[in-house]
PDB file of all heavy atoms in Angstrom:
ATOM      1  N   ASP A   1       8.351  64.065   3.714  1.00  0.00           N
ATOM      2  CA  ASP A   1       8.507  65.547   3.802  1.00  0.00           C
ATOM      3  C   ASP A   1       7.274  66.237   4.364  1.00  0.00           C
ATOM      4  O   ASP A   1       7.204  67.475   4.496  1.00  0.00           O
ATOM      5  CB  ASP A   1       8.934  66.173   2.526  1.00  0.00           C
ATOM      6  CG  ASP A   1       7.848  65.999   1.438  1.00  0.00           C
ATOM      7  OD1 ASP A   1       6.813  65.379   1.712  1.00  0.00           O
ATOM      8  OD2 ASP A   1       8.122  66.503   0.280  1.00  0.00           O
ATOM      9  N   GLY A   2       6.248  65.450   4.725  1.00  0.00           N
ATOM     10  CA  GLY A   2       5.052  65.994   5.302  1.00  0.00           C
ATOM     11  C   GLY A   2       3.972  66.210   4.332  1.00  0.00           C
ATOM     12  O   GLY A   2       2.830  66.641   4.687  1.00  0.00           O
ATOM     13  N   THR A   3       4.252  66.023   3.045  1.00  0.00           N
ATOM     14  CA  THR A   3       3.192  66.221   2.001  1.00  0.00           C
ATOM     15  C   THR A   3       2.050  65.307   2.185  1.00  0.00           C
ATOM     16  O   THR A   3       2.231  64.077   2.250  1.00  0.00           O
ATOM     17  CB  THR A   3       3.824  66.051   0.560  1.00  0.00           C
ATOM     18  OG1 THR A   3       4.875  66.977   0.356  1.00  0.00           O
ATOM     19  CG2 THR A   3       2.722  66.234  -0.473  1.00  0.00           C
ATOM     20  N   VAL A   4       0.830  65.801   2.262  1.00  0.00           N
ATOM     21  CA  VAL A   4      -0.398  64.991   2.376  1.00  0.00           C
ATOM     22  C   VAL A   4      -0.822  64.600   0.977  1.00  0.00           C
ATOM     23  O   VAL A   4      -1.189  65.492   0.182  1.00  0.00           O
ATOM     24  CB  VAL A   4      -1.453  65.724   3.124  1.00  0.00           C
ATOM     25  CG1 VAL A   4      -2.751  64.956   3.200  1.00  0.00           C
ATOM     26  CG2 VAL A   4      -1.054  66.161   4.474  1.00  0.00           C
ATOM     27  N   PHE A   5      -0.778  63.303   0.678  1.00  0.00           N
ATOM     28  CA  PHE A   5      -1.211  62.894  -0.671  1.00  0.00           C
ATOM     29  C   PHE A   5      -2.584  62.334  -0.684  1.00  0.00           C
ATOM     30  O   PHE A   5      -3.255  62.138  -1.701  1.00  0.00           O
ATOM     31  CB  PHE A   5      -0.177  61.860  -1.255  1.00  0.00           C
ATOM     32  CG  PHE A   5      -0.048  60.623  -0.438  1.00  0.00           C
ATOM     33  CD1 PHE A   5      -0.976  59.579  -0.511  1.00  0.00           C
ATOM     34  CD2 PHE A   5       1.041  60.469   0.476  1.00  0.00           C
ATOM     35  CE1 PHE A   5      -0.793  58.446   0.254  1.00  0.00           C
ATOM     36  CE2 PHE A   5       1.175  59.349   1.188  1.00  0.00           C
ATOM     37  CZ  PHE A   5       0.273  58.354   1.136  1.00  0.00           C
ATOM     38  N   ASP A   6      -3.184  62.026   0.481  1.00  0.00           N
ATOM     39  CA  ASP A   6      -4.492  61.531   0.578  1.00  0.00           C
ATOM     40  C   ASP A   6      -5.005  61.534   2.009  1.00  0.00           C
ATOM     41  O   ASP A   6      -4.226  61.232   2.929  1.00  0.00           O
ATOM     42  CB  ASP A   6      -4.615  60.101  -0.038  1.00  0.00           C
ATOM     43  CG  ASP A   6      -6.004  59.726  -0.482  1.00  0.00           C
ATOM     44  OD1 ASP A   6      -6.905  60.521  -0.389  1.00  0.00           O
ATOM     45  OD2 ASP A   6      -6.150  58.583  -0.956  1.00  0.00           O
ATOM     46  N   THR A   7      -6.264  61.875   2.185  1.00  0.00           N
ATOM     47  CA  THR A   7      -6.863  61.883   3.530  1.00  0.00           C
ATOM     48  C   THR A   7      -8.378  61.804   3.483  1.00  0.00           C
ATOM     49  O   THR A   7      -8.990  62.343   2.531  1.00  0.00           O
ATOM     50  CB  THR A   7      -6.367  63.145   4.302  1.00  0.00           C
ATOM     51  OG1 THR A   7      -6.860  63.040   5.679  1.00  0.00           O
ATOM     52  CG2 THR A   7      -6.931  64.376   3.674  1.00  0.00           C
ATOM     53  N   THR A   8      -8.983  61.240   4.528  1.00  0.00           N
ATOM     54  CA  THR A   8     -10.424  61.272   4.692  1.00  0.00           C
ATOM     55  C   THR A   8     -10.797  62.243   5.799  1.00  0.00           C
ATOM     56  O   THR A   8     -11.987  62.391   6.085  1.00  0.00           O
ATOM     57  CB  THR A   8     -10.989  59.904   4.971  1.00  0.00           C
ATOM     58  OG1 THR A   8     -10.531  59.435   6.219  1.00  0.00           O
ATOM     59  CG2 THR A   8     -10.620  58.962   3.857  1.00  0.00           C
ATOM     60  N   LEU A   9      -9.843  62.753   6.521  1.00  0.00           N
ATOM     61  CA  LEU A   9     -10.114  63.658   7.678  1.00  0.00           C
ATOM     62  C   LEU A   9     -10.885  64.841   7.197  1.00  0.00           C
ATOM     63  O   LEU A   9     -10.576  65.461   6.219  1.00  0.00           O
ATOM     64  CB  LEU A   9      -8.827  64.098   8.328  1.00  0.00           C
ATOM     65  CG  LEU A   9      -7.904  62.987   8.909  1.00  0.00           C
ATOM     66  CD1 LEU A   9      -6.767  63.584   9.659  1.00  0.00           C
ATOM     67  CD2 LEU A   9      -8.729  62.042   9.865  1.00  0.00           C
ATOM     68  N   GLY A  10     -11.953  65.152   8.010  1.00  0.00           N
ATOM     69  CA  GLY A  10     -12.813  66.253   7.548  1.00  0.00           C
ATOM     70  C   GLY A  10     -13.952  65.836   6.683  1.00  0.00           C
ATOM     71  O   GLY A  10     -14.807  66.624   6.250  1.00  0.00           O
ATOM     72  N   GLY A  11     -13.993  64.494   6.310  1.00  0.00           N
ATOM     73  CA  GLY A  11     -15.032  63.912   5.474  1.00  0.00           C
ATOM     74  C   GLY A  11     -15.567  62.664   5.996  1.00  0.00           C
ATOM     75  O   GLY A  11     -15.405  62.367   7.187  1.00  0.00           O
ATOM     76  N   GLU A  12     -16.159  61.933   5.163  1.00  0.00           N
ATOM     77  CA  GLU A  12     -16.706  60.650   5.550  1.00  0.00           C
ATOM     78  C   GLU A  12     -15.727  59.548   5.438  1.00  0.00           C
ATOM     79  O   GLU A  12     -14.810  59.564   4.678  1.00  0.00           O
ATOM     80  CB  GLU A  12     -17.914  60.256   4.605  1.00  0.00           C
ATOM     81  CG  GLU A  12     -19.070  61.243   4.704  1.00  0.00           C
ATOM     82  CD  GLU A  12     -19.740  61.176   6.031  1.00  0.00           C
ATOM     83  OE1 GLU A  12     -19.903  60.077   6.684  1.00  0.00           O
ATOM     84  OE2 GLU A  12     -20.167  62.338   6.551  1.00  0.00           O
ATOM     85  N   PRO A  13     -15.801  58.534   6.383  1.00  0.00           N
ATOM     86  CA  PRO A  13     -14.935  57.399   6.304  1.00  0.00           C
ATOM     87  C   PRO A  13     -15.174  56.553   4.995  1.00  0.00           C
ATOM     88  O   PRO A  13     -16.268  56.800   4.369  1.00  0.00           O
ATOM     89  CB  PRO A  13     -15.272  56.571   7.569  1.00  0.00           C
ATOM     90  CG  PRO A  13     -16.693  56.928   7.841  1.00  0.00           C
ATOM     91  CD  PRO A  13     -16.765  58.388   7.507  1.00  0.00           C
ATOM     92  N   VAL A  14     -14.218  55.781   4.633  1.00  0.00           N
ATOM     93  CA  VAL A  14     -14.351  55.013   3.392  1.00  0.00           C
ATOM     94  C   VAL A  14     -14.441  53.515   3.666  1.00  0.00           C
ATOM     95  O   VAL A  14     -13.971  53.054   4.717  1.00  0.00           O
ATOM     96  CB  VAL A  14     -13.230  55.295   2.400  1.00  0.00           C
ATOM     97  CG1 VAL A  14     -13.345  56.761   1.928  1.00  0.00           C
ATOM     98  CG2 VAL A  14     -11.858  54.971   3.005  1.00  0.00           C
ATOM     99  N   THR A  15     -15.058  52.746   2.800  1.00  0.00           N
ATOM    100  CA  THR A  15     -15.140  51.294   2.831  1.00  0.00           C
ATOM    101  C   THR A  15     -14.528  50.695   1.615  1.00  0.00           C
ATOM    102  O   THR A  15     -14.903  51.120   0.515  1.00  0.00           O
ATOM    103  CB  THR A  15     -16.630  50.961   2.958  1.00  0.00           C
ATOM    104  OG1 THR A  15     -17.232  51.531   4.173  1.00  0.00           O
ATOM    105  CG2 THR A  15     -16.845  49.411   3.073  1.00  0.00           C
ATOM    106  N   PHE A  16     -13.686  49.658   1.816  1.00  0.00           N
ATOM    107  CA  PHE A  16     -13.109  49.017   0.666  1.00  0.00           C
ATOM    108  C   PHE A  16     -12.512  47.644   1.089  1.00  0.00           C
ATOM    109  O   PHE A  16     -12.253  47.486   2.250  1.00  0.00           O
ATOM    110  CB  PHE A  16     -11.970  49.885  -0.020  1.00  0.00           C
ATOM    111  CG  PHE A  16     -10.960  50.339   1.011  1.00  0.00           C
ATOM    112  CD1 PHE A  16      -9.905  49.530   1.420  1.00  0.00           C
ATOM    113  CD2 PHE A  16     -11.092  51.646   1.595  1.00  0.00           C
ATOM    114  CE1 PHE A  16      -8.981  50.024   2.379  1.00  0.00           C
ATOM    115  CE2 PHE A  16     -10.132  52.033   2.519  1.00  0.00           C
ATOM    116  CZ  PHE A  16      -9.111  51.278   2.906  1.00  0.00           C
ATOM    117  N   PRO A  17     -12.254  46.803   0.134  1.00  0.00           N
ATOM    118  CA  PRO A  17     -11.620  45.506   0.392  1.00  0.00           C
ATOM    119  C   PRO A  17     -10.127  45.574   0.598  1.00  0.00           C
ATOM    120  O   PRO A  17      -9.472  46.345  -0.166  1.00  0.00           O
ATOM    121  CB  PRO A  17     -12.001  44.660  -0.810  1.00  0.00           C
ATOM    122  CG  PRO A  17     -12.078  45.646  -1.980  1.00  0.00           C
ATOM    123  CD  PRO A  17     -12.667  46.879  -1.306  1.00  0.00           C
ATOM    124  N   LEU A  18      -9.584  44.856   1.489  1.00  0.00           N
ATOM    125  CA  LEU A  18      -8.104  44.900   1.714  1.00  0.00           C
ATOM    126  C   LEU A  18      -7.365  44.264   0.626  1.00  0.00           C
ATOM    127  O   LEU A  18      -6.158  44.564   0.432  1.00  0.00           O
ATOM    128  CB  LEU A  18      -7.776  44.150   3.052  1.00  0.00           C
ATOM    129  CG  LEU A  18      -8.143  44.937   4.369  1.00  0.00           C
ATOM    130  CD1 LEU A  18      -7.742  44.050   5.560  1.00  0.00           C
ATOM    131  CD2 LEU A  18      -7.453  46.275   4.424  1.00  0.00           C
ATOM    132  N   ASN A  19      -7.943  43.414  -0.183  1.00  0.00           N
ATOM    133  CA  ASN A  19      -7.205  42.772  -1.205  1.00  0.00           C
ATOM    134  C   ASN A  19      -6.956  43.737  -2.440  1.00  0.00           C
ATOM    135  O   ASN A  19      -6.372  43.360  -3.401  1.00  0.00           O
ATOM    136  CB  ASN A  19      -7.890  41.503  -1.736  1.00  0.00           C
ATOM    137  CG  ASN A  19      -9.334  41.755  -2.260  1.00  0.00           C
ATOM    138  OD1 ASN A  19      -9.702  42.862  -2.502  1.00  0.00           O
ATOM    139  ND2 ASN A  19     -10.102  40.681  -2.387  1.00  0.00           N
ATOM    140  N   GLY A  20      -7.438  44.986  -2.267  1.00  0.00           N
ATOM    141  CA  GLY A  20      -7.273  45.893  -3.457  1.00  0.00           C
ATOM    142  C   GLY A  20      -6.273  47.014  -3.107  1.00  0.00           C
ATOM    143  O   GLY A  20      -6.030  47.888  -3.937  1.00  0.00           O
ATOM    144  N   VAL A  21      -5.623  46.931  -1.934  1.00  0.00           N
ATOM    145  CA  VAL A  21      -4.669  48.005  -1.548  1.00  0.00           C
ATOM    146  C   VAL A  21      -3.254  47.507  -1.679  1.00  0.00           C
ATOM    147  O   VAL A  21      -3.017  46.317  -1.814  1.00  0.00           O
ATOM    148  CB  VAL A  21      -4.870  48.519  -0.116  1.00  0.00           C
ATOM    149  CG1 VAL A  21      -6.269  49.128  -0.019  1.00  0.00           C
ATOM    150  CG2 VAL A  21      -4.781  47.385   0.918  1.00  0.00           C
ATOM    151  N   VAL A  22      -2.279  48.406  -1.568  1.00  0.00           N
ATOM    152  CA  VAL A  22      -0.859  48.010  -1.640  1.00  0.00           C
ATOM    153  C   VAL A  22      -0.472  47.114  -0.448  1.00  0.00           C
ATOM    154  O   VAL A  22      -1.107  47.161   0.587  1.00  0.00           O
ATOM    155  CB  VAL A  22       0.049  49.220  -1.612  1.00  0.00           C
ATOM    156  CG1 VAL A  22      -0.110  50.060  -2.901  1.00  0.00           C
ATOM    157  CG2 VAL A  22      -0.098  50.109  -0.346  1.00  0.00           C
ATOM    158  N   PRO A  23       0.471  46.187  -0.647  1.00  0.00           N
ATOM    159  CA  PRO A  23       0.759  45.172   0.436  1.00  0.00           C
ATOM    160  C   PRO A  23       1.067  45.769   1.794  1.00  0.00           C
ATOM    161  O   PRO A  23       0.568  45.218   2.821  1.00  0.00           O
ATOM    162  CB  PRO A  23       1.957  44.461  -0.173  1.00  0.00           C
ATOM    163  CG  PRO A  23       1.867  44.560  -1.638  1.00  0.00           C
ATOM    164  CD  PRO A  23       1.245  45.962  -1.837  1.00  0.00           C
ATOM    165  N   GLY A  24       1.838  46.814   1.859  1.00  0.00           N
ATOM    166  CA  GLY A  24       2.192  47.379   3.176  1.00  0.00           C
ATOM    167  C   GLY A  24       0.978  47.901   3.911  1.00  0.00           C
ATOM    168  O   GLY A  24       0.924  47.771   5.186  1.00  0.00           O
ATOM    169  N   TRP A  25       0.140  48.509   3.289  1.00  0.00           N
ATOM    170  CA  TRP A  25      -1.125  49.000   3.887  1.00  0.00           C
ATOM    171  C   TRP A  25      -1.944  47.887   4.450  1.00  0.00           C
ATOM    172  O   TRP A  25      -2.438  47.932   5.597  1.00  0.00           O
ATOM    173  CB  TRP A  25      -1.917  49.884   2.844  1.00  0.00           C
ATOM    174  CG  TRP A  25      -2.794  50.958   3.420  1.00  0.00           C
ATOM    175  CD1 TRP A  25      -2.499  52.277   3.507  1.00  0.00           C
ATOM    176  CD2 TRP A  25      -4.074  50.804   3.949  1.00  0.00           C
ATOM    177  NE1 TRP A  25      -3.534  53.003   4.008  1.00  0.00           N
ATOM    178  CE2 TRP A  25      -4.558  52.110   4.306  1.00  0.00           C
ATOM    179  CE3 TRP A  25      -4.972  49.787   4.117  1.00  0.00           C
ATOM    180  CZ2 TRP A  25      -5.789  52.397   4.863  1.00  0.00           C
ATOM    181  CZ3 TRP A  25      -6.236  50.022   4.724  1.00  0.00           C
ATOM    182  CH2 TRP A  25      -6.598  51.288   5.063  1.00  0.00           C
ATOM    183  N   ARG A  26      -2.062  46.824   3.607  1.00  0.00           N
ATOM    184  CA  ARG A  26      -2.866  45.648   4.032  1.00  0.00           C
ATOM    185  C   ARG A  26      -2.193  45.004   5.256  1.00  0.00           C
ATOM    186  O   ARG A  26      -2.878  44.668   6.248  1.00  0.00           O
ATOM    187  CB  ARG A  26      -3.033  44.702   2.848  1.00  0.00           C
ATOM    188  CG  ARG A  26      -3.712  43.436   3.230  1.00  0.00           C
ATOM    189  CD  ARG A  26      -4.024  42.601   1.964  1.00  0.00           C
ATOM    190  NE  ARG A  26      -2.863  42.239   1.260  1.00  0.00           N
ATOM    191  CZ  ARG A  26      -2.532  42.699   0.040  1.00  0.00           C
ATOM    192  NH1 ARG A  26      -3.305  43.571  -0.540  1.00  0.00           N
ATOM    193  NH2 ARG A  26      -1.432  42.313  -0.538  1.00  0.00           N
ATOM    194  N   GLU A  27      -0.847  44.852   5.189  1.00  0.00           N
ATOM    195  CA  GLU A  27      -0.198  44.146   6.322  1.00  0.00           C
ATOM    196  C   GLU A  27      -0.364  44.948   7.639  1.00  0.00           C
ATOM    197  O   GLU A  27      -0.547  44.355   8.703  1.00  0.00           O
ATOM    198  CB  GLU A  27       1.287  44.051   6.023  1.00  0.00           C
ATOM    199  CG  GLU A  27       1.635  43.050   4.974  1.00  0.00           C
ATOM    200  CD  GLU A  27       3.126  42.934   4.750  1.00  0.00           C
ATOM    201  OE1 GLU A  27       3.872  43.044   5.783  1.00  0.00           O
ATOM    202  OE2 GLU A  27       3.576  42.680   3.620  1.00  0.00           O
ATOM    203  N   GLY A  28      -0.311  46.302   7.565  1.00  0.00           N
ATOM    204  CA  GLY A  28      -0.500  47.105   8.685  1.00  0.00           C
ATOM    205  C   GLY A  28      -1.865  46.902   9.353  1.00  0.00           C
ATOM    206  O   GLY A  28      -2.031  46.773  10.556  1.00  0.00           O
ATOM    207  N   VAL A  29      -2.923  47.011   8.490  1.00  0.00           N
ATOM    208  CA  VAL A  29      -4.273  46.951   8.979  1.00  0.00           C
ATOM    209  C   VAL A  29      -4.550  45.494   9.554  1.00  0.00           C
ATOM    210  O   VAL A  29      -5.306  45.316  10.546  1.00  0.00           O
ATOM    211  CB  VAL A  29      -5.289  47.247   7.836  1.00  0.00           C
ATOM    212  CG1 VAL A  29      -6.709  46.940   8.286  1.00  0.00           C
ATOM    213  CG2 VAL A  29      -5.118  48.726   7.441  1.00  0.00           C
ATOM    214  N   LEU A  30      -3.932  44.475   8.947  1.00  0.00           N
ATOM    215  CA  LEU A  30      -4.151  43.112   9.495  1.00  0.00           C
ATOM    216  C   LEU A  30      -3.638  42.950  10.872  1.00  0.00           C
ATOM    217  O   LEU A  30      -3.990  42.069  11.620  1.00  0.00           O
ATOM    218  CB  LEU A  30      -3.476  42.136   8.539  1.00  0.00           C
ATOM    219  CG  LEU A  30      -4.104  41.898   7.187  1.00  0.00           C
ATOM    220  CD1 LEU A  30      -3.280  40.969   6.348  1.00  0.00           C
ATOM    221  CD2 LEU A  30      -5.566  41.345   7.338  1.00  0.00           C
ATOM    222  N   LYS A  31      -2.695  43.857  11.308  1.00  0.00           N
ATOM    223  CA  LYS A  31      -2.178  43.752  12.662  1.00  0.00           C
ATOM    224  C   LYS A  31      -3.006  44.530  13.733  1.00  0.00           C
ATOM    225  O   LYS A  31      -2.820  44.466  14.899  1.00  0.00           O
ATOM    226  CB  LYS A  31      -0.788  44.309  12.776  1.00  0.00           C
ATOM    227  CG  LYS A  31       0.278  43.449  11.993  1.00  0.00           C
ATOM    228  CD  LYS A  31       0.433  42.114  12.597  1.00  0.00           C
ATOM    229  CE  LYS A  31       1.087  42.151  13.944  1.00  0.00           C
ATOM    230  NZ  LYS A  31       1.327  40.830  14.582  1.00  0.00           N
ATOM    231  N   MET A  32      -3.992  45.281  13.200  1.00  0.00           N
ATOM    232  CA  MET A  32      -4.859  46.160  14.035  1.00  0.00           C
ATOM    233  C   MET A  32      -6.123  45.382  14.493  1.00  0.00           C
ATOM    234  O   MET A  32      -6.519  44.424  13.843  1.00  0.00           O
ATOM    235  CB  MET A  32      -5.195  47.380  13.233  1.00  0.00           C
ATOM    236  CG  MET A  32      -4.029  48.282  12.925  1.00  0.00           C
ATOM    237  SD  MET A  32      -4.594  49.752  11.931  1.00  0.00           S
ATOM    238  CE  MET A  32      -5.681  50.612  13.150  1.00  0.00           C
ATOM    239  N   HIS A  33      -6.669  45.894  15.563  1.00  0.00           N
ATOM    240  CA  HIS A  33      -7.973  45.372  16.042  1.00  0.00           C
ATOM    241  C   HIS A  33      -9.020  46.431  15.804  1.00  0.00           C
ATOM    242  O   HIS A  33      -8.694  47.627  15.740  1.00  0.00           O
ATOM    243  CB  HIS A  33      -7.915  45.036  17.539  1.00  0.00           C
ATOM    244  CG  HIS A  33      -6.931  43.959  17.925  1.00  0.00           C
ATOM    245  ND1 HIS A  33      -5.596  44.243  18.100  1.00  0.00           N
ATOM    246  CD2 HIS A  33      -7.122  42.653  18.104  1.00  0.00           C
ATOM    247  CE1 HIS A  33      -4.970  43.091  18.366  1.00  0.00           C
ATOM    248  NE2 HIS A  33      -5.864  42.105  18.464  1.00  0.00           N
ATOM    249  N   GLU A  34     -10.198  45.976  15.640  1.00  0.00           N
ATOM    250  CA  GLU A  34     -11.293  46.912  15.326  1.00  0.00           C
ATOM    251  C   GLU A  34     -11.401  47.977  16.436  1.00  0.00           C
ATOM    252  O   GLU A  34     -11.342  47.685  17.636  1.00  0.00           O
ATOM    253  CB  GLU A  34     -12.602  46.102  15.299  1.00  0.00           C
ATOM    254  CG  GLU A  34     -13.810  47.002  14.752  1.00  0.00           C
ATOM    255  CD  GLU A  34     -15.047  46.108  14.583  1.00  0.00           C
ATOM    256  OE1 GLU A  34     -15.534  45.604  15.575  1.00  0.00           O
ATOM    257  OE2 GLU A  34     -15.502  45.932  13.445  1.00  0.00           O
ATOM    258  N   GLY A  35     -11.513  49.211  15.985  1.00  0.00           N
ATOM    259  CA  GLY A  35     -11.627  50.335  16.854  1.00  0.00           C
ATOM    260  C   GLY A  35     -10.273  51.021  17.161  1.00  0.00           C
ATOM    261  O   GLY A  35     -10.259  52.116  17.790  1.00  0.00           O
ATOM    262  N   GLU A  36      -9.130  50.401  16.809  1.00  0.00           N
ATOM    263  CA  GLU A  36      -7.856  50.968  17.064  1.00  0.00           C
ATOM    264  C   GLU A  36      -7.501  52.036  16.081  1.00  0.00           C
ATOM    265  O   GLU A  36      -7.955  52.116  14.979  1.00  0.00           O
ATOM    266  CB  GLU A  36      -6.761  49.901  17.009  1.00  0.00           C
ATOM    267  CG  GLU A  36      -6.717  48.907  18.192  1.00  0.00           C
ATOM    268  CD  GLU A  36      -5.580  47.920  18.081  1.00  0.00           C
ATOM    269  OE1 GLU A  36      -5.041  47.731  16.973  1.00  0.00           O
ATOM    270  OE2 GLU A  36      -5.321  47.295  19.116  1.00  0.00           O
ATOM    271  N   THR A  37      -6.596  52.973  16.546  1.00  0.00           N
ATOM    272  CA  THR A  37      -6.022  53.958  15.704  1.00  0.00           C
ATOM    273  C   THR A  37      -4.472  53.655  15.750  1.00  0.00           C
ATOM    274  O   THR A  37      -3.921  53.545  16.804  1.00  0.00           O
ATOM    275  CB  THR A  37      -6.290  55.388  16.216  1.00  0.00           C
ATOM    276  OG1 THR A  37      -7.670  55.621  16.146  1.00  0.00           O
ATOM    277  CG2 THR A  37      -5.578  56.424  15.301  1.00  0.00           C
ATOM    278  N   ALA A  38      -3.867  53.672  14.606  1.00  0.00           N
ATOM    279  CA  ALA A  38      -2.447  53.319  14.565  1.00  0.00           C
ATOM    280  C   ALA A  38      -1.733  54.150  13.497  1.00  0.00           C
ATOM    281  O   ALA A  38      -2.327  54.577  12.519  1.00  0.00           O
ATOM    282  CB  ALA A  38      -2.225  51.850  14.290  1.00  0.00           C
ATOM    283  N   MET A  39      -0.405  54.346  13.696  1.00  0.00           N
ATOM    284  CA  MET A  39       0.461  54.930  12.630  1.00  0.00           C
ATOM    285  C   MET A  39       1.128  53.706  11.951  1.00  0.00           C
ATOM    286  O   MET A  39       1.582  52.778  12.574  1.00  0.00           O
ATOM    287  CB  MET A  39       1.537  55.786  13.235  1.00  0.00           C
ATOM    288  CG  MET A  39       1.073  57.196  13.651  1.00  0.00           C
ATOM    289  SD  MET A  39       0.484  58.125  12.268  1.00  0.00           S
ATOM    290  CE  MET A  39       1.936  58.218  11.208  1.00  0.00           C
ATOM    291  N   ILE A  40       1.158  53.777  10.601  1.00  0.00           N
ATOM    292  CA  ILE A  40       1.724  52.692   9.813  1.00  0.00           C
ATOM    293  C   ILE A  40       2.827  53.288   8.874  1.00  0.00           C
ATOM    294  O   ILE A  40       2.501  54.195   8.178  1.00  0.00           O
ATOM    295  CB  ILE A  40       0.697  51.910   9.025  1.00  0.00           C
ATOM    296  CG1 ILE A  40      -0.280  51.254   9.975  1.00  0.00           C
ATOM    297  CG2 ILE A  40       1.334  50.890   8.111  1.00  0.00           C
ATOM    298  CD1 ILE A  40      -1.353  50.444   9.280  1.00  0.00           C
ATOM    299  N   GLY A  41       4.035  52.789   8.995  1.00  0.00           N
ATOM    300  CA  GLY A  41       5.148  53.176   8.105  1.00  0.00           C
ATOM    301  C   GLY A  41       5.403  52.153   7.065  1.00  0.00           C
ATOM    302  O   GLY A  41       5.604  50.994   7.432  1.00  0.00           O
ATOM    303  N   ILE A  42       5.425  52.544   5.816  1.00  0.00           N
ATOM    304  CA  ILE A  42       5.482  51.521   4.749  1.00  0.00           C
ATOM    305  C   ILE A  42       6.729  51.842   3.894  1.00  0.00           C
ATOM    306  O   ILE A  42       6.733  52.928   3.208  1.00  0.00           O
ATOM    307  CB  ILE A  42       4.235  51.548   3.858  1.00  0.00           C
ATOM    308  CG1 ILE A  42       2.980  51.324   4.741  1.00  0.00           C
ATOM    309  CG2 ILE A  42       4.257  50.467   2.835  1.00  0.00           C
ATOM    310  CD1 ILE A  42       1.643  51.472   3.995  1.00  0.00           C
ATOM    311  N   PRO A  43       7.690  50.858   3.754  1.00  0.00           N
ATOM    312  CA  PRO A  43       8.810  51.084   2.853  1.00  0.00           C
ATOM    313  C   PRO A  43       8.360  51.126   1.397  1.00  0.00           C
ATOM    314  O   PRO A  43       7.309  50.532   1.101  1.00  0.00           O
ATOM    315  CB  PRO A  43       9.700  49.902   3.149  1.00  0.00           C
ATOM    316  CG  PRO A  43       9.232  49.317   4.447  1.00  0.00           C
ATOM    317  CD  PRO A  43       7.752  49.645   4.542  1.00  0.00           C
ATOM    318  N   PRO A  44       9.040  51.764   0.486  1.00  0.00           N
ATOM    319  CA  PRO A  44       8.627  51.886  -0.885  1.00  0.00           C
ATOM    320  C   PRO A  44       8.397  50.572  -1.583  1.00  0.00           C
ATOM    321  O   PRO A  44       7.470  50.423  -2.375  1.00  0.00           O
ATOM    322  CB  PRO A  44       9.724  52.696  -1.536  1.00  0.00           C
ATOM    323  CG  PRO A  44      10.919  52.605  -0.620  1.00  0.00           C
ATOM    324  CD  PRO A  44      10.318  52.482   0.747  1.00  0.00           C
TER     325      PRO A  44
END
């Protein structure tokens, strides 16, 4: 519905290990290359 539940925009980027995030987020980032920007849609 467009509700923003979390964002780093307007602030500093964050650093964290991929093994600590939800599976869909990790899978999406694993398909990306360094420097890319992508939209990732994750089923519940």
